[in-house]
């Protein structure tokens, strides 16, 4: 699903299935779509989805982090 969304947005996806699973392995039970679930995100949004540029974060933290990045870049 993440790869399909990245493709839809025109974002480069360089993660293999094995790399994606390895990133998720320590957090597997936290995956999901709920408010308390965790999700995969890129460290640097301008770079591709690759092993060195992804991390797992609590879903509620992603909005806060995105707002911080926009402020840092003078976009908010």
N, C-alpha and C. Protein backbone atom coordinates (compact mmCIF):
# COMPACT_ATOMS: atom_id res chain seq x y z
N UNK A 1 0.83 -1.19 0.00
CA UNK A 1 0.00 0.00 0.00
C UNK A 1 0.87 1.26 0.00
N UNK A 2 1.91 1.28 0.84
CA UNK A 2 2.79 2.46 0.90
C UNK A 2 3.44 2.72 -0.45
N UNK A 3 3.86 1.66 -1.11
CA UNK A 3 4.48 1.82 -2.43
C UNK A 3 3.47 2.38 -3.44
N UNK A 4 2.24 1.91 -3.39
CA UNK A 4 1.21 2.39 -4.30
C UNK A 4 0.92 3.88 -4.06
N UNK A 5 0.87 4.29 -2.80
CA UNK A 5 0.63 5.70 -2.47
C UNK A 5 1.81 6.55 -2.95
N UNK A 6 3.03 6.06 -2.74
CA UNK A 6 4.21 6.80 -3.20
C UNK A 6 4.17 6.96 -4.72
N UNK A 7 3.81 5.90 -5.42
CA UNK A 7 3.72 5.96 -6.88
C UNK A 7 2.65 6.97 -7.30
N UNK A 8 1.50 6.94 -6.64
CA UNK A 8 0.42 7.88 -6.94
C UNK A 8 0.87 9.33 -6.76
N UNK A 9 1.68 9.58 -5.75
CA UNK A 9 2.18 10.94 -5.47
C UNK A 9 3.37 11.32 -6.34
N UNK A 10 3.90 10.36 -7.10
CA UNK A 10 5.06 10.63 -7.94
C UNK A 10 6.37 10.60 -7.17
N UNK A 11 6.39 9.90 -6.05
CA UNK A 11 7.59 9.81 -5.20
C UNK A 11 8.38 8.56 -5.56
N UNK A 12 9.69 8.67 -5.60
CA UNK A 12 10.54 7.53 -5.93
C UNK A 12 10.50 6.50 -4.81
N UNK A 13 10.32 5.24 -5.16
CA UNK A 13 10.27 4.14 -4.20
C UNK A 13 11.41 3.19 -4.51
N UNK A 14 12.36 3.05 -3.60
CA UNK A 14 13.52 2.19 -3.82
C UNK A 14 13.62 1.09 -2.77
N UNK A 15 12.61 0.94 -1.93
CA UNK A 15 12.62 -0.12 -0.91
C UNK A 15 12.21 -1.44 -1.54
N UNK A 16 12.96 -2.48 -1.25
CA UNK A 16 12.53 -3.82 -1.64
C UNK A 16 11.55 -4.31 -0.58
N UNK A 17 10.85 -5.37 -0.88
CA UNK A 17 9.91 -5.93 0.10
C UNK A 17 10.66 -6.37 1.36
N UNK A 18 11.84 -6.94 1.19
CA UNK A 18 12.63 -7.39 2.34
C UNK A 18 13.08 -6.22 3.20
N UNK A 19 13.49 -5.12 2.57
CA UNK A 19 13.91 -3.94 3.33
C UNK A 19 12.73 -3.33 4.08
N UNK A 20 11.58 -3.26 3.42
CA UNK A 20 10.38 -2.73 4.05
C UNK A 20 10.04 -3.54 5.29
N UNK A 21 10.09 -4.86 5.16
CA UNK A 21 9.77 -5.73 6.29
C UNK A 21 10.80 -5.57 7.41
N UNK A 22 12.07 -5.45 7.08
CA UNK A 22 13.11 -5.26 8.10
C UNK A 22 12.91 -3.96 8.87
N UNK A 23 12.47 -2.91 8.18
CA UNK A 23 12.21 -1.64 8.86
C UNK A 23 11.06 -1.82 9.86
N UNK A 24 10.05 -2.56 9.44
CA UNK A 24 8.86 -2.75 10.28
C UNK A 24 9.03 -3.80 11.36
N UNK A 25 9.94 -4.73 11.19
CA UNK A 25 10.05 -5.89 12.10
C UNK A 25 9.98 -5.54 13.59
N UNK A 26 10.74 -4.57 14.10
CA UNK A 26 10.67 -4.26 15.54
C UNK A 26 9.35 -3.62 15.98
N UNK A 27 8.58 -3.13 15.02
CA UNK A 27 7.36 -2.39 15.34
C UNK A 27 6.11 -3.07 14.77
N UNK A 28 6.23 -4.31 14.36
CA UNK A 28 5.17 -4.98 13.61
C UNK A 28 3.81 -4.91 14.30
N UNK A 29 3.78 -5.09 15.59
CA UNK A 29 2.50 -5.10 16.31
C UNK A 29 1.88 -3.71 16.40
N UNK A 30 2.63 -2.68 16.07
CA UNK A 30 2.14 -1.30 16.16
C UNK A 30 1.56 -0.79 14.84
N UNK A 31 1.68 -1.58 13.77
CA UNK A 31 1.17 -1.16 12.46
C UNK A 31 -0.34 -1.03 12.48
N UNK A 32 -0.87 -0.19 11.60
CA UNK A 32 -2.31 -0.06 11.47
C UNK A 32 -2.72 1.31 11.02
N UNK A 33 -4.05 1.51 11.02
CA UNK A 33 -4.60 2.78 10.57
C UNK A 33 -5.23 3.57 11.71
N UNK A 34 -5.18 3.02 12.89
CA UNK A 34 -5.80 3.68 14.03
C UNK A 34 -5.00 4.85 14.56
N UNK A 35 -5.61 5.59 15.45
CA UNK A 35 -4.98 6.79 16.01
C UNK A 35 -3.69 6.48 16.76
N UNK A 36 -3.65 5.34 17.41
CA UNK A 36 -2.47 4.96 18.20
C UNK A 36 -1.50 4.08 17.42
N UNK A 37 -1.74 3.90 16.14
CA UNK A 37 -0.86 3.07 15.31
C UNK A 37 0.38 3.85 14.90
N UNK A 38 1.34 3.13 14.37
CA UNK A 38 2.58 3.74 13.89
C UNK A 38 2.60 3.65 12.37
N UNK A 39 3.40 4.49 11.71
CA UNK A 39 3.48 4.46 10.25
C UNK A 39 4.91 4.72 9.79
N UNK A 40 5.15 4.37 8.55
CA UNK A 40 6.47 4.57 7.96
C UNK A 40 6.49 5.97 7.33
N UNK A 41 7.59 6.65 7.48
CA UNK A 41 7.72 7.99 6.93
C UNK A 41 9.16 8.21 6.46
N UNK A 42 9.35 9.21 5.63
CA UNK A 42 10.70 9.53 5.17
C UNK A 42 11.32 10.58 6.09
N UNK A 43 12.62 10.45 6.30
CA UNK A 43 13.35 11.45 7.08
C UNK A 43 13.42 12.76 6.31
N UNK A 44 13.76 12.66 5.05
CA UNK A 44 13.85 13.83 4.17
C UNK A 44 12.85 13.64 3.04
N UNK A 45 11.83 14.48 3.03
CA UNK A 45 10.73 14.32 2.09
C UNK A 45 11.12 14.52 0.63
N UNK A 46 12.21 15.19 0.37
CA UNK A 46 12.62 15.42 -1.02
C UNK A 46 13.40 14.23 -1.59
N UNK A 47 13.74 13.26 -0.76
CA UNK A 47 14.49 12.09 -1.21
C UNK A 47 13.56 10.90 -1.38
N UNK A 48 14.07 9.86 -2.02
CA UNK A 48 13.28 8.65 -2.31
C UNK A 48 12.97 7.85 -1.04
N UNK A 49 11.98 7.01 -1.16
CA UNK A 49 11.70 6.03 -0.11
C UNK A 49 12.76 4.93 -0.25
N UNK A 50 13.80 5.00 0.56
CA UNK A 50 14.86 4.00 0.53
C UNK A 50 15.25 3.65 1.97
N UNK A 51 15.99 2.60 2.15
CA UNK A 51 16.32 2.08 3.48
C UNK A 51 16.93 3.15 4.40
N UNK A 52 17.78 3.99 3.84
CA UNK A 52 18.46 5.00 4.66
C UNK A 52 17.62 6.25 4.91
N UNK A 53 16.45 6.33 4.29
CA UNK A 53 15.64 7.54 4.42
C UNK A 53 14.27 7.29 5.03
N UNK A 54 14.05 6.12 5.61
CA UNK A 54 12.74 5.86 6.22
C UNK A 54 12.90 5.53 7.70
N UNK A 55 11.83 5.79 8.43
CA UNK A 55 11.79 5.46 9.85
C UNK A 55 10.33 5.25 10.25
N UNK A 56 10.13 4.65 11.40
CA UNK A 56 8.80 4.37 11.90
C UNK A 56 8.49 5.35 13.03
N UNK A 57 7.33 5.99 12.93
CA UNK A 57 6.90 6.98 13.91
C UNK A 57 5.46 6.72 14.32
N UNK A 58 5.10 7.16 15.53
CA UNK A 58 3.68 7.11 15.91
C UNK A 58 2.89 8.01 14.96
N UNK A 59 1.74 7.53 14.52
CA UNK A 59 0.93 8.27 13.55
C UNK A 59 0.63 9.70 14.02
N UNK A 60 0.30 9.90 15.28
CA UNK A 60 -0.04 11.24 15.76
C UNK A 60 1.16 12.19 15.71
N UNK A 61 2.38 11.66 15.72
CA UNK A 61 3.59 12.51 15.67
C UNK A 61 3.87 13.04 14.28
N UNK A 62 3.37 12.37 13.27
CA UNK A 62 3.67 12.75 11.89
C UNK A 62 3.13 14.14 11.59
N UNK A 63 1.92 14.45 12.03
CA UNK A 63 1.35 15.78 11.77
C UNK A 63 2.17 16.87 12.46
N UNK A 64 2.59 16.60 13.68
CA UNK A 64 3.39 17.57 14.43
C UNK A 64 4.72 17.79 13.72
N UNK A 65 5.35 16.71 13.30
CA UNK A 65 6.64 16.79 12.63
C UNK A 65 6.51 17.52 11.29
N UNK A 66 5.44 17.26 10.56
CA UNK A 66 5.22 17.94 9.28
C UNK A 66 5.06 19.44 9.47
N UNK A 67 4.33 19.84 10.50
CA UNK A 67 4.14 21.26 10.78
C UNK A 67 5.47 21.91 11.13
N UNK A 68 6.31 21.21 11.89
CA UNK A 68 7.63 21.74 12.24
C UNK A 68 8.46 21.96 10.98
N UNK A 69 8.46 20.98 10.09
CA UNK A 69 9.24 21.10 8.85
C UNK A 69 8.76 22.27 8.01
N UNK A 70 7.45 22.46 7.91
CA UNK A 70 6.93 23.57 7.12
C UNK A 70 7.35 24.91 7.72
N UNK A 71 7.32 25.02 9.05
CA UNK A 71 7.77 26.25 9.69
C UNK A 71 9.25 26.50 9.44
N UNK A 72 10.06 25.44 9.54
CA UNK A 72 11.50 25.59 9.32
C UNK A 72 11.80 26.07 7.90
N UNK A 73 10.98 25.67 6.96
CA UNK A 73 11.19 26.04 5.57
C UNK A 73 10.47 27.33 5.20
N UNK A 74 9.80 27.93 6.17
CA UNK A 74 9.08 29.17 5.93
C UNK A 74 7.82 29.00 5.12
N UNK A 75 7.24 27.80 5.18
CA UNK A 75 6.04 27.53 4.39
C UNK A 75 4.75 27.63 5.20
N UNK A 76 4.86 27.82 6.50
CA UNK A 76 3.64 27.88 7.31
C UNK A 76 3.56 29.21 8.03
